Amino acid sequence: MEKEENENNSPTNKSQEAENAENDIGENRNNLQPEDISSDEKEKIKESSPTEKITELEDKLARTFAEMENQRRRFEKEKEDAFEYGGYSFAKEALSLIDNLERSKNVLENDDKLKETEALKKILDHLNVIKKDLISIFEKNDINPIDSLNQKLDPNFHQAMIEIEDDTKEPGTIIQEIQKGFTIKDRLLRPSLVGVSKKVSKKEEKNDKNEDNSKDK
């Protein structure tokens, strides 16, 4: 009995058993169906080659650099805009000073008690000096008035408020400036509020002709 046990436990038998076990495992692996493979094993099977990994990393790195460059450009643009147009809001509100000067002039000029007086002339002269100084300060800071009168209506710079019949001008010509517009550098600060010409209606033309005929009679 002891002899048989020793034979079974001999190194030759043990190596034979290990070899048989490995063969059984190999056969089991070969006989595995897709549904029998775990997700971890599937990931190992699908694992990319070193070349594919390097290509993928290079692509990710290139995209990261591109995003960083875009962010840098956006930052530079925002910084330039802040420097160039930082006073935009202040400039827009400061235009009310010019508007108030114009309103004050109109009120004084329409005051019957002050008309044709020396006091009125002196006041208007002072207001005009203040207005010129303000516009000069604006122009030094690239804030410029928009030319409107006798210009064709441009929606980028003008806003039509009223239409005025006038056959001496082409339709769409600005013949009245209600409020002056301004630009700051290459941007619109506020549009000019204007009145534009339009053709005299046919009804009014007939009425005018009838009036002329009645006068001749």
Protein backbone atom coordinates (compact mmCIF):
# COMPACT_ATOMS: atom_id res chain seq x y z
CA MET A 1 0.00 0.00 0.00
CA GLU A 2 2.73 2.40 0.93
CA LYS A 3 4.43 1.63 -2.36
CA GLU A 4 1.32 2.49 -4.34
CA GLU A 5 0.90 5.77 -2.46
CA ASN A 6 4.49 6.70 -3.13
CA GLU A 7 4.04 5.99 -6.82
CA ASN A 8 0.96 8.22 -6.93
CA ASN A 9 2.81 11.03 -5.17
CA SER A 10 5.89 10.82 -7.36
CA PRO A 11 7.03 13.98 -9.28
CA THR A 12 6.21 12.32 -12.60
CA ASN A 13 2.60 11.78 -11.64
CA LYS A 14 2.26 15.32 -10.27
CA SER A 15 3.56 16.90 -13.45
CA GLN A 16 1.23 14.73 -15.47
CA GLU A 17 -1.72 15.89 -13.37
CA ALA A 18 -0.75 19.56 -13.80
CA GLU A 19 -0.48 19.09 -17.54
CA ASN A 20 -3.89 17.44 -17.66
CA ALA A 21 -5.38 20.31 -15.60
CA GLU A 22 -3.94 22.92 -17.98
CA ASN A 23 -5.32 21.04 -20.96
CA ASP A 24 -8.74 20.96 -19.31
CA ILE A 25 -8.61 24.74 -18.72
CA GLY A 26 -7.55 25.35 -22.33
CA GLU A 27 -10.39 23.20 -23.61
CA ASN A 28 -12.86 25.05 -21.38
CA ARG A 29 -11.64 28.41 -22.71
CA ASN A 30 -11.98 27.25 -26.29
CA ASN A 31 -15.48 26.04 -25.62
CA LEU A 32 -16.60 29.37 -24.01
CA GLN A 33 -19.44 31.16 -25.77
CA PRO A 34 -19.54 35.04 -26.06
CA GLU A 35 -22.25 35.26 -23.45
CA ASP A 36 -20.04 33.28 -21.04
CA ILE A 37 -17.25 35.94 -21.17
CA SER A 38 -17.35 38.54 -18.40
CA SER A 39 -17.21 42.28 -19.11
CA ASP A 40 -13.68 42.51 -17.67
CA GLU A 41 -12.49 39.78 -20.02
CA LYS A 42 -14.18 41.51 -22.95
CA GLU A 43 -12.33 44.74 -22.11
CA LYS A 44 -9.04 42.84 -22.04
CA ILE A 45 -9.83 41.33 -25.44
CA LYS A 46 -10.71 44.74 -26.85
CA GLU A 47 -7.63 46.38 -25.35
CA SER A 48 -5.94 48.68 -27.89
CA SER A 49 -2.48 48.13 -29.22
CA PRO A 50 0.36 50.46 -28.10
CA THR A 51 0.29 52.26 -31.47
CA GLU A 52 -3.46 52.87 -31.19
CA LYS A 53 -3.03 54.16 -27.64
CA ILE A 54 -0.31 56.60 -28.74
CA THR A 55 -2.50 57.83 -31.63
CA GLU A 56 -5.43 58.33 -29.26
CA LEU A 57 -3.29 60.26 -26.76
CA GLU A 58 -1.86 62.45 -29.53
CA ASP A 59 -5.39 63.26 -30.70
CA LYS A 60 -6.52 64.17 -27.18
CA LEU A 61 -3.42 66.32 -26.68
CA ALA A 62 -4.00 68.16 -29.97
CA ARG A 63 -7.62 68.88 -29.04
CA THR A 64 -6.56 70.14 -25.60
CA PHE A 65 -4.02 72.50 -27.15
CA ALA A 66 -6.65 73.75 -29.64
CA GLU A 67 -9.12 74.48 -26.81
CA MET A 68 -6.41 76.31 -24.83
CA GLU A 69 -5.56 78.42 -27.89
CA ASN A 70 -9.23 79.31 -28.45
CA GLN A 71 -9.57 80.34 -24.81
CA ARG A 72 -6.43 82.48 -25.08
CA ARG A 73 -7.79 84.24 -28.18
CA ARG A 74 -11.16 84.87 -26.50
CA PHE A 75 -9.39 86.32 -23.48
CA GLU A 76 -7.25 88.59 -25.67
CA LYS A 77 -10.34 89.78 -27.57
CA GLU A 78 -12.24 90.50 -24.33
CA LYS A 79 -9.22 92.39 -22.98
CA GLU A 80 -8.95 94.49 -26.16
CA ASP A 81 -12.69 95.26 -26.11
CA ALA A 82 -12.51 96.26 -22.46
CA PHE A 83 -9.63 98.61 -23.25
CA GLU A 84 -11.16 100.03 -26.43
CA TYR A 85 -14.79 100.31 -25.31
CA GLY A 86 -14.52 100.41 -21.53
CA GLY A 87 -16.08 103.87 -21.45
CA TYR A 88 -19.01 102.95 -23.70
CA SER A 89 -21.70 103.22 -20.99
CA PHE A 90 -20.22 106.41 -19.56
CA ALA A 91 -20.02 108.01 -23.02
CA LYS A 92 -23.62 107.06 -23.81
CA GLU A 93 -24.89 108.66 -20.61
CA ALA A 94 -22.69 111.74 -21.12
CA LEU A 95 -24.54 112.47 -24.38
CA SER A 96 -27.49 113.62 -22.27
CA LEU A 97 -25.44 116.75 -21.48
CA ILE A 98 -25.49 117.75 -25.14
CA ASP A 99 -29.20 116.91 -25.37
CA ASN A 100 -29.97 119.11 -22.35
CA LEU A 101 -27.97 121.99 -23.81
CA GLU A 102 -29.95 121.77 -27.04
CA ARG A 103 -33.27 121.70 -25.15
CA SER A 104 -32.21 124.71 -23.08
CA LYS A 105 -31.33 126.63 -26.22
CA ASN A 106 -34.69 125.83 -27.81
CA VAL A 107 -36.58 126.94 -24.71
CA LEU A 108 -34.68 130.23 -24.54
CA GLU A 109 -35.03 130.92 -28.26
CA ASN A 110 -38.81 130.41 -28.05
CA ASP A 111 -39.25 132.65 -25.03
CA ASP A 112 -41.09 135.74 -26.25
CA LYS A 113 -39.71 137.89 -23.42
CA LEU A 114 -36.10 137.08 -24.31
CA LYS A 115 -36.34 137.22 -28.09
CA GLU A 116 -34.05 139.74 -29.75
CA THR A 117 -32.48 140.72 -26.41
CA GLU A 118 -28.80 141.12 -25.69
CA ALA A 119 -29.08 138.82 -22.70
CA LEU A 120 -30.39 135.99 -24.87
CA LYS A 121 -27.52 136.36 -27.33
CA LYS A 122 -24.94 136.17 -24.52
CA ILE A 123 -26.59 133.09 -22.98
CA LEU A 124 -26.75 131.32 -26.34
CA ASP A 125 -23.10 132.15 -27.02
CA HIS A 126 -22.09 130.60 -23.69
CA LEU A 127 -24.17 127.48 -24.34
CA ASN A 128 -22.61 127.09 -27.78
CA VAL A 129 -19.12 127.35 -26.29
CA ILE A 130 -19.95 124.63 -23.74
CA LYS A 131 -21.37 122.41 -26.47
CA LYS A 132 -18.28 122.83 -28.65
CA ASP A 133 -16.02 121.99 -25.72
CA LEU A 134 -18.03 118.85 -24.97
CA ILE A 135 -17.90 117.68 -28.58
CA SER A 136 -14.15 118.42 -28.68
CA ILE A 137 -13.62 116.25 -25.57
CA PHE A 138 -15.71 113.49 -27.14
CA GLU A 139 -13.75 113.62 -30.40
CA LYS A 140 -10.45 113.31 -28.52
CA ASN A 141 -11.82 110.03 -27.16
CA ASP A 142 -12.98 108.83 -30.59
CA ILE A 143 -16.63 109.74 -29.95
CA ASN A 144 -17.82 111.46 -33.10
CA PRO A 145 -21.17 112.92 -34.22
CA ILE A 146 -22.94 111.31 -37.17
CA ASP A 147 -23.56 113.46 -40.24
CA SER A 148 -27.23 113.24 -41.08
CA LEU A 149 -28.71 116.25 -42.86
CA ASN A 150 -29.05 115.82 -46.64
CA GLN A 151 -27.73 112.25 -46.35
CA LYS A 152 -29.54 109.13 -47.51
CA LEU A 153 -31.15 107.21 -44.65
CA ASP A 154 -28.78 104.51 -43.39
CA PRO A 155 -30.39 102.05 -40.93
CA ASN A 156 -26.95 101.41 -39.44
CA PHE A 157 -26.68 105.01 -38.23
CA HIS A 158 -30.11 106.64 -38.54
CA GLN A 159 -33.55 105.96 -37.15
CA ALA A 160 -36.43 107.54 -39.09
CA MET A 161 -39.02 109.06 -36.77
CA ILE A 162 -41.21 110.97 -39.23
CA GLU A 163 -41.75 111.37 -42.97
CA ILE A 164 -41.98 114.86 -44.43
CA GLU A 165 -43.40 115.49 -47.88
CA ASP A 166 -40.83 117.27 -50.00
CA ASP A 167 -40.53 117.02 -53.79
CA THR A 168 -37.26 118.96 -53.81
CA LYS A 169 -35.43 116.00 -52.25
CA GLU A 170 -35.23 112.37 -53.26
CA PRO A 171 -37.39 110.08 -51.11
CA GLY A 172 -35.44 108.78 -48.11
CA THR A 173 -33.26 111.88 -47.81
CA ILE A 174 -32.77 113.19 -44.27
CA ILE A 175 -34.14 116.73 -44.06
CA GLN A 176 -34.57 117.05 -40.30
CA GLU A 177 -32.39 116.00 -37.37
CA ILE A 178 -34.42 115.46 -34.21
CA GLN A 179 -31.56 114.11 -32.09
CA LYS A 180 -27.90 113.84 -33.10
CA GLY A 181 -26.32 110.39 -33.14
CA PHE A 182 -22.77 109.44 -32.21
CA THR A 183 -20.26 106.65 -32.82
CA ILE A 184 -17.43 105.46 -30.56
CA LYS A 185 -14.52 104.23 -32.66
CA ASP A 186 -16.15 101.80 -35.13
CA ARG A 187 -19.28 101.13 -33.05
CA LEU A 188 -22.61 102.88 -32.94
CA LEU A 189 -23.08 104.72 -29.65
CA ARG A 190 -26.60 105.83 -30.51
CA PRO A 191 -28.42 106.40 -33.83
CA SER A 192 -29.51 109.79 -35.11
CA LEU A 193 -33.24 110.38 -34.82
CA VAL A 194 -34.28 111.98 -38.10
CA GLY A 195 -37.09 113.02 -40.39
CA VAL A 196 -36.90 111.85 -44.00
CA SER A 197 -38.44 113.18 -47.18
CA LYS A 198 -41.17 111.51 -49.17
CA LYS A 199 -43.04 112.41 -52.36
CA VAL A 200 -46.11 114.61 -52.16
CA SER A 201 -49.25 112.47 -52.40
CA LYS A 202 -51.34 112.69 -55.58
CA LYS A 203 -54.40 113.93 -53.69
CA GLU A 204 -52.53 116.93 -52.39
CA GLU A 205 -51.12 117.60 -55.86
CA LYS A 206 -54.66 117.66 -57.27
CA ASN A 207 -55.82 119.97 -54.49
CA ASP A 208 -52.93 122.32 -55.21
CA LYS A 209 -53.80 122.33 -58.93
CA ASN A 210 -57.47 123.00 -58.18
CA GLU A 211 -56.49 125.89 -55.92
CA ASP A 212 -54.28 127.33 -58.64
CA ASN A 213 -57.08 127.01 -61.22
CA SER A 214 -59.60 128.71 -58.93
CA LYS A 215 -57.18 131.56 -58.38
CA ASP A 216 -56.73 132.01 -62.14
CA LYS A 217 -60.50 132.28 -62.59
